[in-house]
Amino acid sequence: MKDLRGFTGVGYDKGRSKLVQAAWLATQGAVLQHWWCPPKVRMSVLRMFGAKIGRDCLVRHRVRIHWPWKLELEDSVWIGEGAWILNLEPVRIGNNTCVSQEVFLCTGSHLFDHDNFEFDNAPITIGARSWLAARSTILRGVTVGDDVLVGAQALVVKDVPSGAKVLAPKADVREPKSTQA
């Protein structure tokens, strides 16, 4: 029998004090997500809060990063507008990888069969030279290899080998029935 009041979050380490968490959330909301914040300032502030960021990276405005100290970007990583990195656990993105607009990287989940719905979190690793196209979603515990295309709106729930292409299912479009007799 589910009783969410018993949820404890056992095993989840936020990685920083409540003061640092609050400072991050305030800074991200007040400054970093806005179009007028220069990309170089965005990179500097992310590094200040513990993100490991390589050379020539670009994080656009409206990008939400849950905990920057659990983020690692190698060289020349692009993260597009509106992307959401819900990194309760580490997220690592390889060099020359593009994370397009409104991509969702989610390291968090819950144990559905647990009475208190406890966390079931796991890290995400994205390889080099890959492209996560618009509105694609990568879920907890997934490793995406090098040179991978994850197509627009695709959902990735298991590891993807290097060189693979993951495409969203096509909509089943049916022609209307003829009304002529």
N, C-alpha and C. Protein backbone atom coordinates (compact mmCIF):
# COMPACT_ATOMS: atom_id res chain seq x y z
N MET A 1 0.84 -1.18 0.00
CA MET A 1 0.00 0.00 0.00
C MET A 1 0.89 1.24 0.00
N LYS A 2 0.68 2.11 -0.96
CA LYS A 2 1.49 3.32 -1.09
C LYS A 2 1.16 4.31 0.04
N ASP A 3 2.23 4.87 0.61
CA ASP A 3 2.08 5.95 1.58
C ASP A 3 3.23 6.93 1.36
N LEU A 4 2.98 7.94 0.53
CA LEU A 4 4.02 8.89 0.16
C LEU A 4 4.50 9.71 1.34
N ARG A 5 3.75 9.75 2.42
CA ARG A 5 4.20 10.48 3.62
C ARG A 5 5.45 9.84 4.21
N GLY A 6 5.70 8.57 3.90
CA GLY A 6 6.86 7.87 4.43
C GLY A 6 8.12 8.04 3.58
N PHE A 7 8.01 8.76 2.46
CA PHE A 7 9.17 8.99 1.58
C PHE A 7 10.28 9.69 2.36
N THR A 8 11.52 9.16 2.23
CA THR A 8 12.67 9.76 2.92
C THR A 8 13.75 10.26 1.97
N GLY A 9 13.76 9.78 0.74
CA GLY A 9 14.85 10.14 -0.17
C GLY A 9 16.15 9.45 0.17
N VAL A 10 16.06 8.32 0.86
CA VAL A 10 17.23 7.59 1.32
C VAL A 10 18.21 7.36 0.16
N GLY A 11 19.48 7.62 0.43
CA GLY A 11 20.52 7.37 -0.57
C GLY A 11 20.79 8.52 -1.52
N TYR A 12 19.96 9.56 -1.51
CA TYR A 12 20.16 10.68 -2.42
C TYR A 12 20.98 11.77 -1.74
N ASP A 13 22.11 12.10 -2.34
CA ASP A 13 22.99 13.15 -1.81
C ASP A 13 22.97 14.33 -2.77
N LYS A 14 22.46 15.45 -2.31
CA LYS A 14 22.38 16.64 -3.15
C LYS A 14 23.76 17.20 -3.47
N GLY A 15 24.75 16.90 -2.65
CA GLY A 15 26.12 17.25 -2.98
C GLY A 15 26.61 18.59 -2.47
N ARG A 16 25.73 19.44 -1.99
CA ARG A 16 26.13 20.75 -1.45
C ARG A 16 25.17 21.12 -0.32
N SER A 17 25.58 22.11 0.46
CA SER A 17 24.77 22.57 1.58
C SER A 17 23.49 23.25 1.09
N LYS A 18 22.54 23.39 1.98
CA LYS A 18 21.28 24.08 1.63
C LYS A 18 21.55 25.52 1.20
N LEU A 19 22.54 26.17 1.80
CA LEU A 19 22.89 27.54 1.42
C LEU A 19 23.37 27.61 -0.02
N VAL A 20 24.24 26.69 -0.42
CA VAL A 20 24.74 26.66 -1.81
C VAL A 20 23.60 26.31 -2.76
N GLN A 21 22.76 25.36 -2.38
CA GLN A 21 21.61 25.01 -3.22
C GLN A 21 20.73 26.23 -3.45
N ALA A 22 20.41 26.96 -2.39
CA ALA A 22 19.56 28.15 -2.50
C ALA A 22 20.22 29.22 -3.36
N ALA A 23 21.53 29.41 -3.17
CA ALA A 23 22.25 30.40 -3.98
C ALA A 23 22.21 30.03 -5.45
N TRP A 24 22.37 28.74 -5.74
CA TRP A 24 22.32 28.29 -7.13
C TRP A 24 20.93 28.54 -7.73
N LEU A 25 19.90 28.11 -7.05
CA LEU A 25 18.54 28.25 -7.58
C LEU A 25 18.19 29.72 -7.81
N ALA A 26 18.60 30.59 -6.90
CA ALA A 26 18.34 32.02 -7.06
C ALA A 26 19.10 32.59 -8.24
N THR A 27 20.37 32.24 -8.37
CA THR A 27 21.21 32.75 -9.47
C THR A 27 20.70 32.26 -10.81
N GLN A 28 20.37 30.98 -10.89
CA GLN A 28 19.88 30.42 -12.15
C GLN A 28 18.59 31.11 -12.57
N GLY A 29 17.66 31.26 -11.64
CA GLY A 29 16.38 31.87 -11.97
C GLY A 29 16.45 33.35 -12.26
N ALA A 30 17.28 34.07 -11.52
CA ALA A 30 17.33 35.53 -11.66
C ALA A 30 18.22 35.99 -12.81
N VAL A 31 19.23 35.20 -13.17
CA VAL A 31 20.21 35.69 -14.15
C VAL A 31 20.41 34.74 -15.33
N LEU A 32 20.80 33.50 -15.06
CA LEU A 32 21.31 32.63 -16.12
C LEU A 32 20.30 32.23 -17.18
N GLN A 33 19.04 32.11 -16.83
CA GLN A 33 18.05 31.63 -17.80
C GLN A 33 17.60 32.71 -18.77
N HIS A 34 17.99 33.93 -18.56
CA HIS A 34 17.49 35.05 -19.39
C HIS A 34 18.34 35.28 -20.63
N TRP A 35 17.71 35.74 -21.69
CA TRP A 35 18.38 35.96 -22.97
C TRP A 35 19.47 37.00 -22.87
N TRP A 36 19.35 37.95 -21.97
CA TRP A 36 20.32 39.04 -21.88
C TRP A 36 21.60 38.65 -21.15
N CYS A 37 21.65 37.47 -20.55
CA CYS A 37 22.86 37.02 -19.87
C CYS A 37 23.84 36.48 -20.92
N PRO A 38 25.01 37.11 -21.06
CA PRO A 38 25.98 36.64 -22.07
C PRO A 38 26.43 35.20 -21.80
N PRO A 39 26.60 34.42 -22.86
CA PRO A 39 27.03 33.02 -22.70
C PRO A 39 28.31 32.87 -21.87
N LYS A 40 29.25 33.79 -22.02
CA LYS A 40 30.50 33.68 -21.24
C LYS A 40 30.24 33.84 -19.75
N VAL A 41 29.31 34.70 -19.39
CA VAL A 41 28.94 34.86 -17.99
C VAL A 41 28.27 33.58 -17.49
N ARG A 42 27.39 33.02 -18.31
CA ARG A 42 26.71 31.77 -17.96
C ARG A 42 27.74 30.67 -17.66
N MET A 43 28.75 30.54 -18.53
CA MET A 43 29.78 29.52 -18.35
C MET A 43 30.57 29.77 -17.05
N SER A 44 30.92 31.01 -16.81
CA SER A 44 31.69 31.35 -15.60
C SER A 44 30.91 31.02 -14.34
N VAL A 45 29.63 31.36 -14.32
CA VAL A 45 28.81 31.10 -13.13
C VAL A 45 28.63 29.60 -12.93
N LEU A 46 28.40 28.86 -14.00
CA LEU A 46 28.29 27.40 -13.88
C LEU A 46 29.56 26.81 -13.29
N ARG A 47 30.72 27.27 -13.77
CA ARG A 47 31.99 26.80 -13.21
C ARG A 47 32.12 27.18 -11.73
N MET A 48 31.70 28.41 -11.40
CA MET A 48 31.76 28.86 -10.02
C MET A 48 30.98 27.93 -9.09
N PHE A 49 29.87 27.39 -9.60
CA PHE A 49 29.05 26.49 -8.80
C PHE A 49 29.47 25.02 -8.94
N GLY A 50 30.61 24.77 -9.58
CA GLY A 50 31.18 23.43 -9.59
C GLY A 50 31.02 22.62 -10.85
N ALA A 51 30.39 23.17 -11.89
CA ALA A 51 30.30 22.43 -13.15
C ALA A 51 31.69 22.30 -13.76
N LYS A 52 31.96 21.15 -14.35
CA LYS A 52 33.21 20.95 -15.08
C LYS A 52 32.90 21.19 -16.55
N ILE A 53 33.46 22.27 -17.10
CA ILE A 53 33.11 22.68 -18.46
C ILE A 53 34.39 22.86 -19.27
N GLY A 54 34.45 22.18 -20.41
CA GLY A 54 35.60 22.27 -21.30
C GLY A 54 35.60 23.58 -22.09
N ARG A 55 36.47 23.61 -23.07
CA ARG A 55 36.61 24.80 -23.93
C ARG A 55 35.48 24.88 -24.95
N ASP A 56 35.15 26.11 -25.32
CA ASP A 56 34.23 26.40 -26.43
C ASP A 56 32.85 25.77 -26.27
N CYS A 57 32.35 25.72 -25.06
CA CYS A 57 30.99 25.21 -24.82
C CYS A 57 30.01 26.37 -24.89
N LEU A 58 28.77 26.04 -25.21
CA LEU A 58 27.71 27.03 -25.28
C LEU A 58 26.47 26.49 -24.60
N VAL A 59 26.01 27.20 -23.59
CA VAL A 59 24.75 26.87 -22.93
C VAL A 59 23.84 28.07 -23.16
N ARG A 60 22.78 27.87 -23.91
CA ARG A 60 21.87 28.96 -24.28
C ARG A 60 20.97 29.36 -23.11
N HIS A 61 20.18 30.40 -23.33
CA HIS A 61 19.25 30.83 -22.29
C HIS A 61 18.08 29.84 -22.17
N ARG A 62 17.36 29.94 -21.07
CA ARG A 62 16.24 29.08 -20.71
C ARG A 62 16.66 27.63 -20.45
N VAL A 63 17.96 27.35 -20.32
CA VAL A 63 18.42 26.01 -19.96
C VAL A 63 18.33 25.88 -18.44
N ARG A 64 17.70 24.79 -17.98
CA ARG A 64 17.60 24.52 -16.55
C ARG A 64 18.57 23.41 -16.19
N ILE A 65 19.42 23.67 -15.23
CA ILE A 65 20.37 22.68 -14.74
C ILE A 65 20.10 22.54 -13.25
N HIS A 66 19.70 21.35 -12.83
CA HIS A 66 19.31 21.16 -11.44
C HIS A 66 20.47 21.43 -10.49
N TRP A 67 21.58 20.70 -10.64
CA TRP A 67 22.75 20.89 -9.79
C TRP A 67 23.99 20.99 -10.68
N PRO A 68 24.58 22.17 -10.83
CA PRO A 68 25.74 22.31 -11.71
C PRO A 68 26.94 21.49 -11.26
N TRP A 69 27.09 21.24 -9.97
CA TRP A 69 28.21 20.46 -9.47
C TRP A 69 28.11 19.00 -9.86
N LYS A 70 27.00 18.61 -10.47
CA LYS A 70 26.85 17.24 -10.97
C LYS A 70 26.80 17.22 -12.50
N LEU A 71 27.43 18.23 -13.13
CA LEU A 71 27.44 18.35 -14.59
C LEU A 71 28.86 18.43 -15.10
N GLU A 72 29.14 17.64 -16.14
CA GLU A 72 30.45 17.70 -16.81
C GLU A 72 30.23 17.78 -18.31
N LEU A 73 30.76 18.86 -18.91
CA LEU A 73 30.72 19.06 -20.36
C LEU A 73 32.15 19.04 -20.87
N GLU A 74 32.43 18.17 -21.82
CA GLU A 74 33.75 18.19 -22.45
C GLU A 74 33.80 19.37 -23.42
N ASP A 75 34.81 19.45 -24.27
CA ASP A 75 34.98 20.58 -25.18
C ASP A 75 33.87 20.64 -26.24
N SER A 76 33.52 21.86 -26.61
CA SER A 76 32.61 22.14 -27.74
C SER A 76 31.25 21.45 -27.62
N VAL A 77 30.66 21.52 -26.44
CA VAL A 77 29.30 21.01 -26.23
C VAL A 77 28.33 22.18 -26.37
N TRP A 78 27.25 21.97 -27.10
CA TRP A 78 26.20 22.97 -27.24
C TRP A 78 24.95 22.46 -26.54
N ILE A 79 24.32 23.33 -25.76
CA ILE A 79 23.04 22.99 -25.13
C ILE A 79 22.04 24.06 -25.52
N GLY A 80 20.98 23.64 -26.22
CA GLY A 80 20.02 24.56 -26.81
C GLY A 80 18.98 25.09 -25.84
N GLU A 81 18.32 26.14 -26.28
CA GLU A 81 17.29 26.82 -25.48
C GLU A 81 16.26 25.84 -24.94
N GLY A 82 15.92 26.03 -23.68
CA GLY A 82 14.84 25.26 -23.08
C GLY A 82 15.20 23.85 -22.68
N ALA A 83 16.46 23.44 -22.86
CA ALA A 83 16.85 22.10 -22.42
C ALA A 83 16.75 22.03 -20.89
N TRP A 84 16.45 20.84 -20.37
CA TRP A 84 16.32 20.65 -18.93
C TRP A 84 17.20 19.48 -18.54
N ILE A 85 18.21 19.75 -17.73
CA ILE A 85 19.09 18.72 -17.22
C ILE A 85 18.73 18.52 -15.76
N LEU A 86 17.89 17.53 -15.50
CA LEU A 86 17.46 17.20 -14.14
C LEU A 86 18.46 16.19 -13.59
N ASN A 87 19.60 16.72 -13.16
CA ASN A 87 20.72 15.87 -12.76
C ASN A 87 20.82 15.72 -11.25
N LEU A 88 19.93 14.88 -10.71
CA LEU A 88 20.04 14.49 -9.32
C LEU A 88 21.30 13.65 -9.12
N GLU A 89 21.73 13.01 -10.19
CA GLU A 89 22.98 12.25 -10.25
C GLU A 89 23.81 12.85 -11.39
N PRO A 90 25.10 12.48 -11.50
CA PRO A 90 25.95 13.09 -12.51
C PRO A 90 25.47 12.90 -13.95
N VAL A 91 25.67 13.96 -14.74
CA VAL A 91 25.46 13.92 -16.18
C VAL A 91 26.77 14.34 -16.83
N ARG A 92 27.25 13.51 -17.74
CA ARG A 92 28.49 13.78 -18.46
C ARG A 92 28.19 13.80 -19.94
N ILE A 93 28.65 14.84 -20.65
CA ILE A 93 28.39 14.98 -22.08
C ILE A 93 29.74 15.13 -22.79
N GLY A 94 29.98 14.26 -23.77
CA GLY A 94 31.24 14.22 -24.50
C GLY A 94 31.42 15.36 -25.49
N ASN A 95 32.64 15.50 -25.97
CA ASN A 95 32.99 16.62 -26.84
C ASN A 95 32.24 16.62 -28.17
N ASN A 96 32.04 17.83 -28.68
CA ASN A 96 31.38 18.06 -29.97
C ASN A 96 29.98 17.45 -30.04
N THR A 97 29.29 17.49 -28.93
CA THR A 97 27.93 16.96 -28.86
C THR A 97 26.95 18.11 -28.76
N CYS A 98 25.84 17.97 -29.49
CA CYS A 98 24.78 18.98 -29.51
C CYS A 98 23.55 18.44 -28.80
N VAL A 99 23.12 19.15 -27.77
CA VAL A 99 21.88 18.86 -27.05
C VAL A 99 20.90 19.96 -27.48
N SER A 100 19.97 19.63 -28.34
CA SER A 100 19.10 20.63 -28.97
C SER A 100 18.02 21.16 -28.04
N GLN A 101 17.18 22.01 -28.61
CA GLN A 101 16.14 22.71 -27.87
C GLN A 101 15.19 21.74 -27.18
N GLU A 102 14.93 22.05 -25.91
CA GLU A 102 13.94 21.37 -25.08
C GLU A 102 14.21 19.88 -24.87
N VAL A 103 15.47 19.46 -25.01
CA VAL A 103 15.85 18.09 -24.66
C VAL A 103 15.72 17.94 -23.15
N PHE A 104 15.30 16.76 -22.69
CA PHE A 104 15.14 16.48 -21.26
C PHE A 104 16.08 15.33 -20.89
N LEU A 105 17.06 15.61 -20.02
CA LEU A 105 17.94 14.59 -19.47
C LEU A 105 17.53 14.40 -18.02
N CYS A 106 17.01 13.23 -17.68
CA CYS A 106 16.43 13.01 -16.36
C CYS A 106 17.10 11.84 -15.64
N THR A 107 17.92 12.15 -14.63
CA THR A 107 18.59 11.10 -13.87
C THR A 107 17.75 10.57 -12.72
N GLY A 108 16.58 11.14 -12.50
CA GLY A 108 15.75 10.76 -11.37
C GLY A 108 14.60 9.84 -11.74
N SER A 109 14.24 9.00 -10.79
CA SER A 109 13.06 8.15 -10.93
C SER A 109 12.66 7.71 -9.53
N HIS A 110 11.66 6.86 -9.47
CA HIS A 110 11.18 6.33 -8.20
C HIS A 110 10.94 4.83 -8.33
N LEU A 111 10.96 4.15 -7.21
CA LEU A 111 10.66 2.73 -7.15
C LEU A 111 9.15 2.58 -7.00
N PHE A 112 8.48 2.27 -8.07
CA PHE A 112 7.02 2.20 -8.06
C PHE A 112 6.50 1.17 -7.07
N ASP A 113 7.19 0.05 -6.94
CA ASP A 113 6.73 -1.02 -6.05
C ASP A 113 7.11 -0.81 -4.58
N HIS A 114 7.85 0.24 -4.28
CA HIS A 114 8.22 0.54 -2.89
C HIS A 114 7.05 1.27 -2.22
N ASP A 115 6.74 0.89 -1.00
CA ASP A 115 5.60 1.49 -0.30
C ASP A 115 5.69 3.00 -0.19
N ASN A 116 6.92 3.52 -0.08
CA ASN A 116 7.10 4.97 0.11
C ASN A 116 7.62 5.67 -1.14
N PHE A 117 7.66 4.95 -2.29
CA PHE A 117 7.99 5.57 -3.58
C PHE A 117 9.40 6.19 -3.54
N GLU A 118 10.36 5.48 -2.92
CA GLU A 118 11.73 6.00 -2.77
C GLU A 118 12.39 6.20 -4.13
N PHE A 119 13.45 7.00 -4.13
CA PHE A 119 14.20 7.30 -5.35
C PHE A 119 14.81 6.06 -5.97
N ASP A 120 14.95 6.10 -7.28
CA ASP A 120 15.68 5.11 -8.07
C ASP A 120 16.46 5.90 -9.13
N ASN A 121 17.45 6.66 -8.69
CA ASN A 121 18.20 7.56 -9.55
C ASN A 121 19.44 6.87 -10.12
N ALA A 122 19.93 7.36 -11.25
CA ALA A 122 21.17 6.84 -11.83
C ALA A 122 21.72 7.88 -12.81
N PRO A 123 23.04 7.92 -13.00
CA PRO A 123 23.66 8.92 -13.88
C PRO A 123 23.34 8.69 -15.35
N ILE A 124 23.64 9.71 -16.14
CA ILE A 124 23.50 9.66 -17.60
C ILE A 124 24.85 10.04 -18.19
N THR A 125 25.28 9.29 -19.22
CA THR A 125 26.50 9.61 -19.96
C THR A 125 26.16 9.69 -21.44
N ILE A 126 26.54 10.81 -22.04
CA ILE A 126 26.34 11.02 -23.48
C ILE A 126 27.73 11.07 -24.12
N GLY A 127 27.94 10.29 -25.15
CA GLY A 127 29.25 10.21 -25.79
C GLY A 127 29.59 11.42 -26.65
N ALA A 128 30.71 11.34 -27.31
CA ALA A 128 31.23 12.41 -28.16
C ALA A 128 30.55 12.40 -29.53
N ARG A 129 30.52 13.58 -30.12
CA ARG A 129 30.05 13.76 -31.50
C ARG A 129 28.62 13.25 -31.72
N SER A 130 27.80 13.36 -30.71
CA SER A 130 26.42 12.90 -30.81
C SER A 130 25.48 14.09 -30.92
N TRP A 131 24.26 13.82 -31.32
CA TRP A 131 23.25 14.86 -31.45
C TRP A 131 21.97 14.35 -30.83
N LEU A 132 21.51 15.05 -29.79
CA LEU A 132 20.20 14.79 -29.20
C LEU A 132 19.28 15.86 -29.76
N ALA A 133 18.44 15.47 -30.71
CA ALA A 133 17.60 16.44 -31.42
C ALA A 133 16.45 16.94 -30.54
N ALA A 134 15.78 17.97 -31.02
CA ALA A 134 14.77 18.71 -30.27
C ALA A 134 13.76 17.79 -29.58
N ARG A 135 13.53 18.12 -28.31
CA ARG A 135 12.53 17.47 -27.46
C ARG A 135 12.74 15.97 -27.25
N SER A 136 13.95 15.50 -27.48
CA SER A 136 14.22 14.09 -27.14
C SER A 136 14.40 13.98 -25.64
N THR A 137 14.25 12.76 -25.11
CA THR A 137 14.34 12.51 -23.67
C THR A 137 15.26 11.34 -23.42
N ILE A 138 16.20 11.52 -22.50
CA ILE A 138 17.09 10.45 -22.07
C ILE A 138 16.82 10.22 -20.59
N LEU A 139 16.52 8.98 -20.22
CA LEU A 139 16.16 8.68 -18.84
C LEU A 139 17.32 8.09 -18.05
N ARG A 140 17.14 7.97 -16.76
CA ARG A 140 18.14 7.57 -15.78
C ARG A 140 18.89 6.30 -16.16
N GLY A 141 20.19 6.34 -15.87
CA GLY A 141 21.01 5.16 -16.05
C GLY A 141 21.44 4.86 -17.47
N VAL A 142 21.11 5.73 -18.42
CA VAL A 142 21.40 5.47 -19.82
C VAL A 142 22.79 5.99 -20.19
N THR A 143 23.49 5.19 -21.00
CA THR A 143 24.72 5.62 -21.64
C THR A 143 24.47 5.66 -23.14
N VAL A 144 24.69 6.83 -23.73
CA VAL A 144 24.58 7.00 -25.18
C VAL A 144 26.01 7.02 -25.71
N GLY A 145 26.30 6.18 -26.67
CA GLY A 145 27.66 6.07 -27.20
C GLY A 145 28.08 7.27 -28.02
N ASP A 146 29.23 7.15 -28.67
CA ASP A 146 29.75 8.18 -29.55
C ASP A 146 29.04 8.14 -30.90
N ASP A 147 28.98 9.29 -31.57
CA ASP A 147 28.45 9.39 -32.94
C ASP A 147 27.02 8.86 -33.05
N VAL A 148 26.19 9.20 -32.07
CA VAL A 148 24.80 8.73 -32.03
C VAL A 148 23.86 9.88 -32.39
N LEU A 149 22.84 9.58 -33.17
CA LEU A 149 21.75 10.51 -33.43
C LEU A 149 20.54 10.03 -32.64
N VAL A 150 20.04 10.88 -31.76
CA VAL A 150 18.76 10.63 -31.10
C VAL A 150 17.80 11.63 -31.72
N GLY A 151 16.85 11.14 -32.51
CA GLY A 151 15.95 12.00 -33.28
C GLY A 151 14.99 12.80 -32.42
N ALA A 152 14.40 13.79 -33.05
CA ALA A 152 13.45 14.67 -32.38
C ALA A 152 12.34 13.84 -31.73
N GLN A 153 12.04 14.16 -30.49
CA GLN A 153 11.00 13.57 -29.67
C GLN A 153 11.19 12.09 -29.35
N ALA A 154 12.39 11.55 -29.61
CA ALA A 154 12.65 10.15 -29.27
C ALA A 154 12.80 10.00 -27.75
N LEU A 155 12.40 8.86 -27.25
CA LEU A 155 12.53 8.52 -25.84
C LEU A 155 13.56 7.41 -25.71
N VAL A 156 14.62 7.64 -24.92
CA VAL A 156 15.69 6.66 -24.75
C VAL A 156 15.67 6.15 -23.32
N VAL A 157 15.42 4.84 -23.17
CA VAL A 157 15.29 4.23 -21.85
C VAL A 157 16.36 3.16 -21.60
N LYS A 158 17.18 2.88 -22.61
CA LYS A 158 18.26 1.90 -22.43
C LYS A 158 19.48 2.37 -23.20
N ASP A 159 20.63 1.78 -22.90
CA ASP A 159 21.89 2.20 -23.52
C ASP A 159 21.81 2.14 -25.04
N VAL A 160 22.52 3.08 -25.68
CA VAL A 160 22.56 3.17 -27.14
C VAL A 160 24.01 2.99 -27.57
N PRO A 161 24.29 2.01 -28.44
CA PRO A 161 25.68 1.79 -28.86
C PRO A 161 26.18 2.89 -29.80
N SER A 162 27.48 3.05 -29.84
CA SER A 162 28.09 4.04 -30.72
C SER A 162 27.64 3.83 -32.16
N GLY A 163 27.40 4.94 -32.86
CA GLY A 163 27.03 4.90 -34.27
C GLY A 163 25.55 4.66 -34.54
N ALA A 164 24.76 4.43 -33.52
CA ALA A 164 23.34 4.10 -33.71
C ALA A 164 22.50 5.35 -33.96
N LYS A 165 21.31 5.14 -34.48
CA LYS A 165 20.31 6.19 -34.66
C LYS A 165 19.04 5.74 -33.96
N VAL A 166 18.53 6.60 -33.08
CA VAL A 166 17.29 6.32 -32.36
C VAL A 166 16.27 7.33 -32.84
N LEU A 167 15.22 6.87 -33.48
CA LEU A 167 14.21 7.77 -34.02
C LEU A 167 12.88 7.56 -33.30
N ALA A 168 12.12 8.62 -33.18
CA ALA A 168 10.79 8.54 -32.56
C ALA A 168 9.88 7.73 -33.47
N PRO A 169 8.95 6.99 -32.88
CA PRO A 169 7.98 6.27 -33.72
C PRO A 169 7.19 7.25 -34.56
N LYS A 170 6.90 6.84 -35.77
CA LYS A 170 6.11 7.70 -36.65
C LYS A 170 4.65 7.63 -36.25
N ALA A 171 3.98 8.75 -36.41
CA ALA A 171 2.55 8.79 -36.12
C ALA A 171 1.81 7.92 -37.13
N ASP A 172 0.81 7.25 -36.64
CA ASP A 172 -0.02 6.43 -37.51
C ASP A 172 -1.09 7.35 -38.11
N VAL A 173 -0.81 7.83 -39.32
CA VAL A 173 -1.73 8.75 -39.99
C VAL A 173 -2.59 7.94 -40.95
N ARG A 174 -3.87 8.07 -40.79
CA ARG A 174 -4.79 7.35 -41.69
C ARG A 174 -5.63 8.36 -42.45
N GLU A 175 -5.84 8.06 -43.69
CA GLU A 175 -6.67 8.91 -44.52
C GLU A 175 -8.13 8.79 -44.08
N PRO A 176 -8.88 9.89 -44.15
CA PRO A 176 -10.29 9.78 -43.79
C PRO A 176 -11.01 8.85 -44.76
N LYS A 177 -12.02 8.15 -44.25
CA LYS A 177 -12.80 7.27 -45.10
C LYS A 177 -13.63 8.10 -46.06
N SER A 178 -13.78 7.58 -47.26
CA SER A 178 -14.57 8.28 -48.26
C SER A 178 -16.04 8.24 -47.87
N THR A 179 -16.75 9.35 -48.10
CA THR A 179 -18.17 9.40 -47.79
C THR A 179 -19.01 9.12 -49.03
N GLN A 180 -18.34 8.88 -50.16
CA GLN A 180 -19.09 8.58 -51.39
C GLN A 180 -19.53 7.12 -51.37
N ALA A 181 -20.70 6.89 -51.90
CA ALA A 181 -21.23 5.53 -51.95
C ALA A 181 -21.11 4.94 -53.33
